[in-house]
Amino acid sequence: MSSKIKFTNTHKSTFFATTRLRVETYFKENSISKYANTAMWGKAIFYLTGFVALYLLVISNYFSLWTMLGFTLLLGVFSAFVGFNVCHDAIHGSFSSNSRVNKAFSFLFNLIGASPYIWNISHNVVHHTYTNIPGHDEDIEVAPGLIRISEEEKVNKIQRFQHLYAFGLYSLASLSWVFRKDYVKFFQKRLGNIPRIIILNENTLTCFFLKPFITFCLLLYLCWF
């Protein structure tokens, strides 16, 4: 059971307010936009183009089995790049002051099997409030019982070998995310310390119906070719 978390009163510690003010002052004094610059847009275009190109190469069936396997491995890498370098930044509102632009890029999360709705709660709200605090930050829950990353976690004998199997297990993380993780979090009454009430709206419908539909269509199309 996780312990209750108490934060230092902002009147007693001005660290956060001071840091935020200095960052905002830096951007203002140097006339730097808080949103995406040329390098960030270039990065997004590169990863998205690479993702689409690799997917088309995989379904083209023009190459040998080993070449196709190489394309598939690269596609997995680019999927991660798109997720953590494009969608992640978009959900943080980093691309544009226009919320529709950020929403459009965050929607791409669905194409790689993740839910932007669940990610926004578990990462933007929970993770950035309870960063790396065991029992509260669900972003650091990596294969509970198999991977132990905190001294507060219960010890399991098999964890003596986690340095041997962790990398192989991590390679299956995306499959767990697509087919299990988001749905488990969807039905949880709490995400971290944040209570959840399931309301039928655009976000929940997208998470529960659109994401699996897109995943099914992509897999079906891939198998067809």
Protein backbone atom coordinates (compact mmCIF):
# COMPACT_ATOMS: atom_id res chain seq x y z
CA MET A 1 0.00 0.00 0.00
CA SER A 2 1.42 3.37 -0.97
CA SER A 3 2.07 5.97 1.71
CA LYS A 4 0.45 9.37 1.73
CA ILE A 5 2.49 12.03 -0.05
CA LYS A 6 2.88 15.52 1.35
CA PHE A 7 4.48 18.34 -0.62
CA THR A 8 6.34 21.29 0.84
CA ASN A 9 4.19 24.40 1.13
CA THR A 10 5.04 26.86 -1.66
CA HIS A 11 5.30 29.62 0.95
CA LYS A 12 8.12 27.69 2.63
CA SER A 13 9.92 26.65 -0.55
CA THR A 14 10.08 28.95 -3.56
CA PHE A 15 12.16 26.56 -5.68
CA PHE A 16 9.43 25.73 -8.20
CA ALA A 17 8.19 29.31 -8.57
CA THR A 18 11.74 30.66 -8.89
CA THR A 19 12.74 28.04 -11.46
CA ARG A 20 9.61 28.66 -13.52
CA LEU A 21 10.13 32.42 -13.44
CA ARG A 22 13.77 32.09 -14.55
CA VAL A 23 12.82 29.81 -17.45
CA GLU A 24 10.05 32.14 -18.62
CA THR A 25 12.38 35.13 -18.28
CA TYR A 26 15.06 33.36 -20.33
CA PHE A 27 12.65 32.68 -23.18
CA LYS A 28 11.31 36.23 -23.08
CA GLU A 29 14.70 37.99 -22.92
CA ASN A 30 16.07 35.90 -25.79
CA SER A 31 12.89 36.17 -27.87
CA ILE A 32 12.57 32.38 -28.01
CA SER A 33 9.19 30.76 -28.56
CA LYS A 34 8.04 28.21 -25.99
CA TYR A 35 6.72 26.13 -28.85
CA ALA A 36 8.34 24.02 -31.57
CA ASN A 37 11.32 25.50 -33.42
CA THR A 38 12.65 24.43 -36.82
CA ALA A 39 14.68 21.57 -35.33
CA MET A 40 11.66 20.17 -33.52
CA TRP A 41 9.48 20.32 -36.64
CA GLY A 42 12.30 18.71 -38.63
CA LYS A 43 12.55 15.92 -36.07
CA ALA A 44 8.81 15.28 -36.23
CA ILE A 45 8.78 15.20 -40.04
CA PHE A 46 11.78 12.85 -40.12
CA TYR A 47 10.30 10.33 -37.68
CA LEU A 48 6.82 10.40 -39.23
CA THR A 49 8.19 10.06 -42.76
CA GLY A 50 10.44 7.20 -41.67
CA PHE A 51 7.53 5.46 -39.94
CA VAL A 52 5.27 5.67 -43.00
CA ALA A 53 8.07 4.70 -45.42
CA LEU A 54 9.06 1.65 -43.37
CA TYR A 55 5.45 0.50 -43.04
CA LEU A 56 4.99 0.76 -46.82
CA LEU A 57 8.23 -1.16 -47.39
CA VAL A 58 7.09 -3.91 -45.02
CA ILE A 59 3.78 -4.40 -46.83
CA SER A 60 5.36 -4.06 -50.30
CA ASN A 61 6.57 -7.69 -50.30
CA TYR A 62 9.31 -6.71 -52.78
CA PHE A 63 12.23 -7.78 -50.62
CA SER A 64 13.74 -10.94 -49.14
CA LEU A 65 12.58 -12.32 -45.80
CA TRP A 66 15.66 -11.08 -43.95
CA THR A 67 15.40 -7.62 -45.48
CA MET A 68 11.72 -7.44 -44.49
CA LEU A 69 12.68 -8.52 -40.97
CA GLY A 70 15.18 -5.66 -40.85
CA PHE A 71 12.49 -3.22 -42.00
CA THR A 72 10.15 -4.56 -39.32
CA LEU A 73 12.75 -4.04 -36.58
CA LEU A 74 13.37 -0.49 -37.80
CA LEU A 75 9.61 0.11 -37.90
CA GLY A 76 9.46 -0.81 -34.23
CA VAL A 77 12.24 1.66 -33.47
CA PHE A 78 10.54 4.43 -35.44
CA SER A 79 7.25 3.66 -33.69
CA ALA A 80 8.99 4.42 -30.40
CA PHE A 81 10.51 7.58 -31.90
CA VAL A 82 7.07 8.77 -33.04
CA GLY A 83 5.54 7.97 -29.66
CA PHE A 84 8.14 9.63 -27.46
CA ASN A 85 9.38 12.42 -29.75
CA VAL A 86 6.18 13.48 -31.49
CA CYS A 87 3.07 12.33 -29.60
CA HIS A 88 4.61 12.82 -26.15
CA ASP A 89 5.58 16.41 -26.98
CA ALA A 90 2.19 17.10 -28.58
CA ILE A 91 0.28 15.91 -25.51
CA HIS A 92 2.46 18.27 -23.46
CA GLY A 93 1.25 21.06 -25.77
CA SER A 94 4.77 21.73 -27.04
CA PHE A 95 4.22 21.97 -30.78
CA SER A 96 1.94 24.95 -31.09
CA SER A 97 -0.08 27.51 -29.17
CA ASN A 98 -3.01 26.16 -31.21
CA SER A 99 -4.50 23.28 -29.22
CA ARG A 100 -5.89 21.72 -32.40
CA VAL A 101 -2.39 21.27 -33.80
CA ASN A 102 -1.22 19.56 -30.61
CA LYS A 103 -4.36 17.41 -30.56
CA ALA A 104 -3.79 16.32 -34.17
CA PHE A 105 -0.25 15.15 -33.44
CA SER A 106 -1.25 13.50 -30.16
CA PHE A 107 -3.97 11.58 -32.04
CA LEU A 108 -1.16 9.75 -33.87
CA PHE A 109 -0.58 7.86 -30.62
CA ASN A 110 -3.54 5.71 -31.64
CA LEU A 111 -1.67 4.59 -34.75
CA ILE A 112 1.06 2.96 -32.67
CA GLY A 113 -1.43 1.38 -30.28
CA ALA A 114 -1.38 3.82 -27.37
CA SER A 115 -4.15 5.98 -25.98
CA PRO A 116 -3.43 9.73 -25.78
CA TYR A 117 -6.32 10.05 -23.31
CA ILE A 118 -4.85 7.56 -20.81
CA TRP A 119 -1.31 8.87 -21.39
CA ASN A 120 -2.40 12.42 -20.63
CA ILE A 121 -3.69 11.33 -17.22
CA SER A 122 -1.00 8.81 -16.26
CA HIS A 123 1.95 10.83 -17.59
CA ASN A 124 1.09 14.54 -17.72
CA VAL A 125 -0.91 14.57 -14.49
CA VAL A 126 0.25 11.63 -12.35
CA HIS A 127 3.89 11.21 -13.42
CA HIS A 128 4.70 14.92 -13.40
CA THR A 129 3.04 15.33 -10.00
CA TYR A 130 4.53 12.26 -8.31
CA THR A 131 7.68 11.87 -10.41
CA ASN A 132 9.45 8.55 -9.74
CA ILE A 133 7.71 8.01 -6.39
CA PRO A 134 7.01 4.26 -5.98
CA GLY A 135 3.37 3.44 -5.39
CA HIS A 136 2.21 6.73 -6.88
CA ASP A 137 3.93 7.19 -10.24
CA GLU A 138 2.53 4.50 -12.54
CA ASP A 139 5.03 5.37 -15.26
CA ILE A 140 7.70 3.48 -13.31
CA GLU A 141 5.62 0.34 -12.85
CA VAL A 142 7.64 -1.95 -15.11
CA ALA A 143 6.50 -5.59 -14.99
CA PRO A 144 5.60 -5.63 -11.26
CA GLY A 145 6.99 -8.72 -9.55
CA LEU A 146 9.53 -9.32 -12.30
CA ILE A 147 11.40 -6.01 -12.48
CA ARG A 148 12.29 -4.33 -9.17
CA ILE A 149 13.45 -0.72 -9.48
CA SER A 150 12.85 0.50 -5.94
CA GLU A 151 13.97 -0.77 -2.54
CA GLU A 152 10.38 -0.26 -1.38
CA GLU A 153 9.08 -2.94 -3.75
CA LYS A 154 8.47 -6.48 -2.53
CA VAL A 155 11.42 -8.79 -3.18
CA ASN A 156 10.94 -11.75 -5.50
CA LYS A 157 13.63 -14.43 -5.85
CA ILE A 158 13.52 -14.33 -9.64
CA GLN A 159 14.57 -10.67 -9.55
CA ARG A 160 18.12 -11.85 -8.90
CA PHE A 161 18.25 -12.50 -12.63
CA GLN A 162 16.48 -9.36 -13.82
CA HIS A 163 19.74 -8.00 -15.23
CA LEU A 164 19.64 -10.95 -17.63
CA TYR A 165 16.00 -10.94 -18.72
CA ALA A 166 15.03 -7.27 -18.33
CA PHE A 167 16.03 -6.23 -21.86
CA GLY A 168 14.15 -9.13 -23.43
CA LEU A 169 11.11 -8.38 -21.30
CA TYR A 170 11.28 -4.71 -22.21
CA SER A 171 11.06 -5.62 -25.88
CA LEU A 172 7.55 -6.94 -25.15
CA ALA A 173 6.47 -3.70 -23.45
CA SER A 174 4.82 -2.31 -26.57
CA LEU A 175 2.67 -5.44 -26.96
CA SER A 176 1.60 -5.13 -23.32
CA TRP A 177 0.82 -1.45 -23.89
CA VAL A 178 -1.30 -2.10 -26.98
CA PHE A 179 -3.29 -5.08 -25.72
CA ARG A 180 -3.34 -4.72 -21.91
CA LYS A 181 -1.92 -1.62 -20.23
CA ASP A 182 -4.32 1.07 -21.47
CA TYR A 183 -7.40 -1.06 -20.81
CA VAL A 184 -6.27 -1.90 -17.28
CA LYS A 185 -5.74 1.79 -16.57
CA PHE A 186 -9.04 2.66 -18.27
CA PHE A 187 -11.03 0.67 -15.69
CA GLN A 188 -8.94 1.62 -12.65
CA LYS A 189 -10.80 3.73 -10.11
CA ARG A 190 -7.60 5.68 -9.52
CA LEU A 191 -4.53 6.49 -11.55
CA GLY A 192 -1.85 7.17 -9.00
CA ASN A 193 -3.60 9.42 -6.49
CA ILE A 194 -6.00 10.77 -9.10
CA PRO A 195 -9.57 9.39 -8.81
CA ARG A 196 -11.25 8.52 -12.11
CA ILE A 197 -14.90 8.42 -13.09
CA ILE A 198 -15.58 6.76 -16.43
CA ILE A 199 -17.66 9.16 -18.49
CA LEU A 200 -18.88 8.32 -21.97
CA ASN A 201 -17.34 11.02 -24.16
CA GLU A 202 -15.02 11.49 -27.13
CA ASN A 203 -11.91 10.53 -25.16
CA THR A 204 -13.27 7.31 -23.68
CA LEU A 205 -14.83 6.22 -26.98
CA THR A 206 -11.53 6.83 -28.77
CA CYS A 207 -9.60 4.88 -26.14
CA PHE A 208 -11.94 1.91 -25.96
CA PHE A 209 -13.11 1.58 -29.56
CA LEU A 210 -11.00 3.57 -32.04
CA LYS A 211 -7.59 2.41 -30.81
CA PRO A 212 -8.36 -1.33 -31.11
CA PHE A 213 -10.10 -0.72 -34.44
CA ILE A 214 -7.03 1.02 -35.89
CA THR A 215 -4.72 -1.67 -34.49
CA PHE A 216 -6.91 -4.42 -35.98
CA CYS A 217 -7.02 -2.71 -39.39
CA LEU A 218 -3.24 -2.20 -39.52
CA LEU A 219 -2.59 -5.82 -38.54
CA LEU A 220 -5.20 -7.11 -40.99
CA TYR A 221 -3.75 -5.02 -43.80
CA LEU A 222 -0.25 -6.24 -42.94
CA CYS A 223 -1.35 -9.90 -42.90
CA TRP A 224 -3.23 -9.44 -46.18
CA PHE A 225 -0.04 -8.50 -47.95
